[in-house]
Amino acid sequence: RSPGPEFLARVKEAALSVEGVLDVRDLRAEYVGPDIVHAGLHLVVPRGLPVEDAHRIAETVRARVHEETDGHYCVIQVEPAAAST
């Protein structure tokens, strides 16, 4: 079961507060135990960002999500922003 919209909003807010995160997509979370929540999300970062910087941003988001939500596990996928046309 889902921890609810308030939890998801806190996760999104925590992720968006990290410099370099442009958007959060496909955010999901579920209880996997009585008080254990696993979350997953896609981060959108600037196109052309070096992989080292993208990794640093993802790790910062992971730490911030854990601090802000007491979540136990967070899977993060990093995506480049769409090319402008």
C-alpha atoms as a PDB file:
ATOM      1  CA  ARG A   1       0.000   0.000   0.000  1.00  0.00           C
ATOM      2  CA  SER A   2       1.070   3.536  -0.628  1.00  0.00           C
ATOM      3  CA  PRO A   3       2.148   5.821   2.225  1.00  0.00           C
ATOM      4  CA  GLY A   4      -0.117   8.487   0.720  1.00  0.00           C
ATOM      5  CA  PRO A   5       0.088  11.783  -1.121  1.00  0.00           C
ATOM      6  CA  GLU A   6       1.677  13.700   1.765  1.00  0.00           C
ATOM      7  CA  PHE A   7       4.648  11.316   1.807  1.00  0.00           C
ATOM      8  CA  LEU A   8       5.034  11.514  -1.976  1.00  0.00           C
ATOM      9  CA  ALA A   9       4.911  15.318  -1.822  1.00  0.00           C
ATOM     10  CA  ARG A  10       7.687  15.337   0.816  1.00  0.00           C
ATOM     11  CA  VAL A  11       9.846  13.065  -1.357  1.00  0.00           C
ATOM     12  CA  LYS A  12       9.325  15.270  -4.404  1.00  0.00           C
ATOM     13  CA  GLU A  13      10.010  18.447  -2.439  1.00  0.00           C
ATOM     14  CA  ALA A  14      13.211  16.956  -0.990  1.00  0.00           C
ATOM     15  CA  ALA A  15      14.418  15.894  -4.453  1.00  0.00           C
ATOM     16  CA  LEU A  16      13.621  19.229  -6.072  1.00  0.00           C
ATOM     17  CA  SER A  17      15.515  21.058  -3.312  1.00  0.00           C
ATOM     18  CA  VAL A  18      18.807  19.586  -4.580  1.00  0.00           C
ATOM     19  CA  GLU A  19      20.723  21.819  -6.971  1.00  0.00           C
ATOM     20  CA  GLY A  20      20.793  20.345 -10.461  1.00  0.00           C
ATOM     21  CA  VAL A  21      17.425  18.568 -10.269  1.00  0.00           C
ATOM     22  CA  LEU A  22      15.097  19.996 -12.910  1.00  0.00           C
ATOM     23  CA  ASP A  23      12.125  17.677 -12.382  1.00  0.00           C
ATOM     24  CA  VAL A  24      10.965  14.486 -10.676  1.00  0.00           C
ATOM     25  CA  ARG A  25       9.035  11.854 -12.627  1.00  0.00           C
ATOM     26  CA  ASP A  26       7.537   8.429 -12.008  1.00  0.00           C
ATOM     27  CA  LEU A  27       7.574   8.864  -8.239  1.00  0.00           C
ATOM     28  CA  ARG A  28       6.264   5.812  -6.398  1.00  0.00           C
ATOM     29  CA  ALA A  29       6.428   4.519  -2.859  1.00  0.00           C
ATOM     30  CA  GLU A  30       5.038   1.543  -1.016  1.00  0.00           C
ATOM     31  CA  TYR A  31       5.115  -0.058   2.381  1.00  0.00           C
ATOM     32  CA  VAL A  32       7.129  -3.270   2.349  1.00  0.00           C
ATOM     33  CA  GLY A  33       6.775  -3.813   6.084  1.00  0.00           C
ATOM     34  CA  PRO A  34       4.836  -2.283   8.971  1.00  0.00           C
ATOM     35  CA  ASP A  35       7.020   0.850   9.113  1.00  0.00           C
ATOM     36  CA  ILE A  36       9.306   0.349   6.106  1.00  0.00           C
ATOM     37  CA  VAL A  37       8.780   2.424   2.968  1.00  0.00           C
ATOM     38  CA  HIS A  38      10.609   1.922  -0.309  1.00  0.00           C
ATOM     39  CA  ALA A  39      10.487   4.727  -2.877  1.00  0.00           C
ATOM     40  CA  GLY A  40      11.528   5.032  -6.496  1.00  0.00           C
ATOM     41  CA  LEU A  41      11.805   8.041  -8.769  1.00  0.00           C
ATOM     42  CA  HIS A  42      13.378   9.432 -11.909  1.00  0.00           C
ATOM     43  CA  LEU A  43      15.402  12.642 -11.660  1.00  0.00           C
ATOM     44  CA  VAL A  44      15.644  14.947 -14.638  1.00  0.00           C
ATOM     45  CA  VAL A  45      19.005  16.722 -14.792  1.00  0.00           C
ATOM     46  CA  PRO A  46      20.518  19.080 -17.369  1.00  0.00           C
ATOM     47  CA  ARG A  47      21.367  17.463 -20.697  1.00  0.00           C
ATOM     48  CA  GLY A  48      25.119  16.872 -21.134  1.00  0.00           C
ATOM     49  CA  LEU A  49      25.824  16.765 -17.403  1.00  0.00           C
ATOM     50  CA  PRO A  50      28.920  14.623 -16.685  1.00  0.00           C
ATOM     51  CA  VAL A  51      28.050  11.238 -15.194  1.00  0.00           C
ATOM     52  CA  GLU A  52      30.070  12.032 -12.062  1.00  0.00           C
ATOM     53  CA  ASP A  53      27.923  15.104 -11.425  1.00  0.00           C
ATOM     54  CA  ALA A  54      24.708  13.184 -12.116  1.00  0.00           C
ATOM     55  CA  HIS A  55      25.816  10.502  -9.638  1.00  0.00           C
ATOM     56  CA  ARG A  56      26.608  13.133  -6.995  1.00  0.00           C
ATOM     57  CA  ILE A  57      23.177  14.710  -7.484  1.00  0.00           C
ATOM     58  CA  ALA A  58      21.447  11.315  -7.169  1.00  0.00           C
ATOM     59  CA  GLU A  59      23.347  10.500  -3.967  1.00  0.00           C
ATOM     60  CA  THR A  60      22.496  13.913  -2.523  1.00  0.00           C
ATOM     61  CA  VAL A  61      18.825  13.358  -3.369  1.00  0.00           C
ATOM     62  CA  ARG A  62      18.917   9.899  -1.781  1.00  0.00           C
ATOM     63  CA  ALA A  63      20.370  11.331   1.459  1.00  0.00           C
ATOM     64  CA  ARG A  64      17.914  14.213   1.528  1.00  0.00           C
ATOM     65  CA  VAL A  65      14.919  11.936   0.935  1.00  0.00           C
ATOM     66  CA  HIS A  66      16.051   9.710   3.813  1.00  0.00           C
ATOM     67  CA  GLU A  67      16.488  12.737   6.096  1.00  0.00           C
ATOM     68  CA  GLU A  68      13.133  14.299   5.211  1.00  0.00           C
ATOM     69  CA  THR A  69      10.943  11.181   5.170  1.00  0.00           C
ATOM     70  CA  ASP A  70      12.577   8.444   7.240  1.00  0.00           C
ATOM     71  CA  GLY A  71      12.226   6.292   4.131  1.00  0.00           C
ATOM     72  CA  HIS A  72      14.275   3.126   4.231  1.00  0.00           C
ATOM     73  CA  TYR A  73      15.205   2.615   0.596  1.00  0.00           C
ATOM     74  CA  CYS A  74      15.131   4.852  -2.450  1.00  0.00           C
ATOM     75  CA  VAL A  75      15.859   3.782  -6.024  1.00  0.00           C
ATOM     76  CA  ILE A  76      16.844   6.693  -8.244  1.00  0.00           C
ATOM     77  CA  GLN A  77      17.200   6.746 -12.005  1.00  0.00           C
ATOM     78  CA  VAL A  78      18.779   9.809 -13.597  1.00  0.00           C
ATOM     79  CA  GLU A  79      17.514  11.079 -16.971  1.00  0.00           C
ATOM     80  CA  PRO A  80      18.790  13.955 -19.101  1.00  0.00           C
ATOM     81  CA  ALA A  81      16.387  16.756 -19.867  1.00  0.00           C
ATOM     82  CA  ALA A  82      14.823  16.607 -23.304  1.00  0.00           C
ATOM     83  CA  ALA A  83      16.676  18.425 -26.059  1.00  0.00           C
ATOM     84  CA  SER A  84      15.112  21.774 -26.831  1.00  0.00           C
ATOM     85  CA  THR A  85      13.685  22.161 -30.283  1.00  0.00           C
END
